[in-house]
Amino acid sequence: MKKPILVVLLFFVFIFLGNFLKVNSASTISLGNQKVIYTLPYPGMLPDHPLFFIKTIRDNVQEFLTRDLLKKADFYLLLSDKYISMADQLTRKGKHQLAVSTAEKAEKYAQNITPIITSSKKQGSLATDDFIRKIQNSNIKHREMIEGMMKELPQGSLESITQVLEINKEVGQKVGLTE
């Protein structure tokens, strides 16, 4: 009787512990004369995995339990970065439709960040300059990855990925990047 309980407990410990163990991949982004280094988190399980729904449930629970607005914005940034990294890996695996929808989810998470920062500001809690810079660098990295995906995807997917790029540009404008 104790073994099944222990197995279930260990299962949930590993799921929630996965959030704290991160493997990163760094890349350098050229922004005019400046060099910007932005590190994407390791995405972990990809959406094509049969147990991916467990990861989604964990993320939804964590999102619900996060009440501090700035922490929620940081969580959305993390999810956004993980999803764009997943989209890149799915593109390399040749799963183009899934890659495009995953990139779209990444940009939708990024879209959620600026309204939360605005609400936080109204409540008297300001985002730090470092956090704003991190969001801007993330947006630049996302754009670079989406443009890279555009080169890999077949003609039929270009319209969808172009819409994702438009969402990215819209987010970039909201966080102070101008085109």
Protein backbone atom coordinates (compact mmCIF):
# COMPACT_ATOMS: atom_id res chain seq x y z
CA MET A 1 0.00 0.00 0.00
CA LYS A 2 2.87 2.39 0.74
CA LYS A 3 4.66 1.76 -2.56
CA PRO A 4 1.97 3.31 -4.84
CA ILE A 5 1.80 6.40 -2.65
CA LEU A 6 5.58 6.73 -2.71
CA VAL A 7 5.65 6.31 -6.51
CA VAL A 8 2.97 8.98 -7.01
CA LEU A 9 4.75 11.32 -4.59
CA LEU A 10 8.08 10.87 -6.38
CA PHE A 11 6.37 11.42 -9.72
CA PHE A 12 5.04 14.81 -8.63
CA VAL A 13 8.35 15.77 -7.01
CA PHE A 14 10.15 15.15 -10.31
CA ILE A 15 7.55 17.11 -12.25
CA PHE A 16 7.79 20.16 -10.01
CA LEU A 17 11.54 19.80 -9.58
CA GLY A 18 11.94 19.97 -13.37
CA ASN A 19 11.10 23.65 -13.17
CA PHE A 20 14.14 24.37 -11.04
CA LEU A 21 16.68 22.35 -13.00
CA LYS A 22 17.39 24.23 -16.17
CA VAL A 23 19.86 23.62 -18.95
CA ASN A 24 20.47 26.73 -21.00
CA SER A 25 21.63 27.42 -24.51
CA ALA A 26 23.20 30.81 -25.07
CA SER A 27 23.19 32.76 -28.26
CA THR A 28 24.52 36.10 -29.32
CA ILE A 29 22.24 38.55 -31.05
CA SER A 30 23.58 41.47 -32.99
CA LEU A 31 21.59 44.65 -32.40
CA GLY A 32 23.17 47.35 -34.51
CA ASN A 33 26.65 47.83 -33.11
CA GLN A 34 25.74 46.17 -29.81
CA LYS A 35 26.03 42.48 -29.05
CA VAL A 36 23.16 41.07 -26.99
CA ILE A 37 23.51 37.71 -25.31
CA TYR A 38 20.25 36.01 -24.39
CA THR A 39 20.04 32.53 -22.94
CA LEU A 40 16.98 30.42 -23.64
CA PRO A 41 15.95 27.83 -21.05
CA TYR A 42 15.97 24.16 -21.88
CA PRO A 43 12.43 23.36 -23.05
CA GLY A 44 12.25 19.86 -21.63
CA MET A 45 9.46 17.71 -23.00
CA LEU A 46 8.16 18.70 -26.44
CA PRO A 47 4.47 18.94 -27.41
CA ASP A 48 4.79 15.79 -29.53
CA HIS A 49 5.49 13.71 -26.41
CA PRO A 50 2.51 11.68 -25.13
CA LEU A 51 2.96 12.95 -21.54
CA PHE A 52 3.22 16.62 -22.51
CA PHE A 53 -0.23 17.24 -21.05
CA ILE A 54 1.24 16.67 -17.57
CA LYS A 55 3.69 19.49 -18.15
CA THR A 56 0.82 21.70 -19.32
CA ILE A 57 -1.17 20.89 -16.18
CA ARG A 58 1.83 21.72 -14.01
CA ASP A 59 2.29 25.05 -15.80
CA ASN A 60 -1.41 25.89 -15.43
CA VAL A 61 -1.30 25.11 -11.70
CA GLN A 62 1.82 27.21 -11.25
CA GLU A 63 0.26 30.06 -13.24
CA PHE A 64 -2.86 29.93 -11.07
CA LEU A 65 -0.88 29.86 -7.82
CA THR A 66 1.36 32.79 -8.79
CA ARG A 67 -0.36 35.88 -7.44
CA ASP A 68 2.44 38.45 -7.52
CA LEU A 69 2.06 40.24 -10.85
CA LEU A 70 5.76 40.70 -11.54
CA LYS A 71 6.45 37.05 -10.73
CA LYS A 72 3.62 36.09 -13.06
CA ALA A 73 5.16 38.26 -15.80
CA ASP A 74 8.49 36.52 -15.21
CA PHE A 75 6.74 33.14 -15.38
CA TYR A 76 5.12 34.10 -18.70
CA LEU A 77 8.53 35.14 -20.00
CA LEU A 78 9.93 31.74 -18.99
CA LEU A 79 7.05 29.91 -20.70
CA SER A 80 7.40 32.09 -23.78
CA ASP A 81 11.11 31.32 -24.01
CA LYS A 82 10.55 27.59 -23.48
CA TYR A 83 7.87 27.45 -26.15
CA ILE A 84 9.98 29.25 -28.76
CA SER A 85 12.80 26.84 -28.01
CA MET A 86 10.34 23.94 -28.41
CA ALA A 87 9.20 25.37 -31.75
CA ASP A 88 12.80 25.49 -32.94
CA GLN A 89 13.36 21.86 -31.99
CA LEU A 90 10.09 20.78 -33.62
CA THR A 91 11.12 22.57 -36.82
CA ARG A 92 14.36 20.61 -36.84
CA LYS A 93 12.37 17.39 -36.35
CA GLY A 94 10.26 18.24 -39.42
CA LYS A 95 7.02 18.72 -37.46
CA HIS A 96 6.22 22.01 -39.13
CA GLN A 97 2.57 22.52 -38.21
CA LEU A 98 3.23 21.75 -34.57
CA ALA A 99 6.27 24.03 -34.65
CA VAL A 100 4.19 26.95 -35.95
CA SER A 101 1.44 26.47 -33.36
CA THR A 102 4.06 26.19 -30.61
CA ALA A 103 5.75 29.40 -31.77
CA GLU A 104 2.35 31.07 -31.74
CA LYS A 105 1.84 29.96 -28.12
CA ALA A 106 5.24 31.41 -27.28
CA GLU A 107 4.28 34.80 -28.67
CA LYS A 108 0.87 34.69 -26.97
CA TYR A 109 2.61 34.19 -23.63
CA ALA A 110 4.86 37.13 -24.51
CA GLN A 111 1.77 39.21 -25.29
CA ASN A 112 0.51 38.61 -21.74
CA ILE A 113 3.58 40.20 -20.16
CA THR A 114 3.05 43.89 -20.95
CA PRO A 115 -0.54 44.11 -19.62
CA ILE A 116 0.61 42.47 -16.40
CA ILE A 117 3.48 44.95 -16.04
CA THR A 118 1.01 47.80 -16.64
CA SER A 119 -1.35 46.45 -13.97
CA SER A 120 1.56 46.01 -11.60
CA LYS A 121 2.61 49.62 -12.19
CA LYS A 122 -0.91 50.82 -11.35
CA GLN A 123 -0.68 48.90 -8.09
CA GLY A 124 2.62 50.59 -7.23
CA SER A 125 5.03 47.78 -8.07
CA LEU A 126 7.43 48.74 -10.85
CA ALA A 127 9.32 46.30 -13.05
CA THR A 128 13.07 46.78 -12.86
CA ASP A 129 15.07 48.06 -15.81
CA ASP A 130 16.87 44.70 -15.91
CA PHE A 131 13.57 42.85 -16.27
CA ILE A 132 12.43 45.18 -19.08
CA ARG A 133 15.80 44.67 -20.81
CA LYS A 134 15.39 40.91 -20.39
CA ILE A 135 11.96 41.08 -22.07
CA GLN A 136 13.42 43.14 -24.92
CA ASN A 137 16.31 40.71 -25.42
CA SER A 138 13.87 37.81 -25.35
CA ASN A 139 11.77 39.49 -28.02
CA ILE A 140 14.82 39.98 -30.23
CA LYS A 141 15.82 36.33 -29.76
CA HIS A 142 12.28 35.19 -30.58
CA ARG A 143 12.33 37.24 -33.77
CA GLU A 144 15.63 35.69 -34.77
CA MET A 145 14.28 32.18 -34.14
CA ILE A 146 11.03 32.83 -36.01
CA GLU A 147 12.94 34.19 -38.99
CA GLY A 148 15.14 31.09 -38.88
CA MET A 149 12.02 28.92 -38.84
CA MET A 150 10.72 30.77 -41.91
CA LYS A 151 13.73 29.54 -43.86
CA GLU A 152 13.11 25.92 -42.81
CA LEU A 153 9.33 25.71 -43.22
CA PRO A 154 7.57 24.70 -46.45
CA GLN A 155 5.73 27.32 -48.51
CA GLY A 156 2.31 26.38 -47.08
CA SER A 157 3.34 27.31 -43.53
CA LEU A 158 4.77 30.72 -44.38
CA GLU A 159 1.48 32.59 -43.93
CA SER A 160 1.02 31.18 -40.42
CA ILE A 161 4.58 31.88 -39.32
CA THR A 162 4.34 35.41 -40.77
CA GLN A 163 1.38 36.03 -38.45
CA VAL A 164 3.50 34.82 -35.54
CA LEU A 165 6.24 37.24 -36.60
CA GLU A 166 3.67 40.07 -36.61
CA ILE A 167 2.69 39.22 -33.03
CA ASN A 168 6.38 39.30 -32.13
CA LYS A 169 6.81 42.75 -33.70
CA GLU A 170 3.73 44.01 -31.85
CA VAL A 171 5.16 42.78 -28.54
CA GLY A 172 8.50 44.37 -29.43
CA GLN A 173 6.83 47.74 -29.93
CA LYS A 174 5.05 47.45 -26.59
CA VAL A 175 8.29 46.77 -24.74
CA GLY A 176 10.09 49.70 -26.33
CA LEU A 177 11.74 48.18 -29.40
CA THR A 178 10.98 50.29 -32.46
CA GLU A 179 11.20 49.33 -36.08
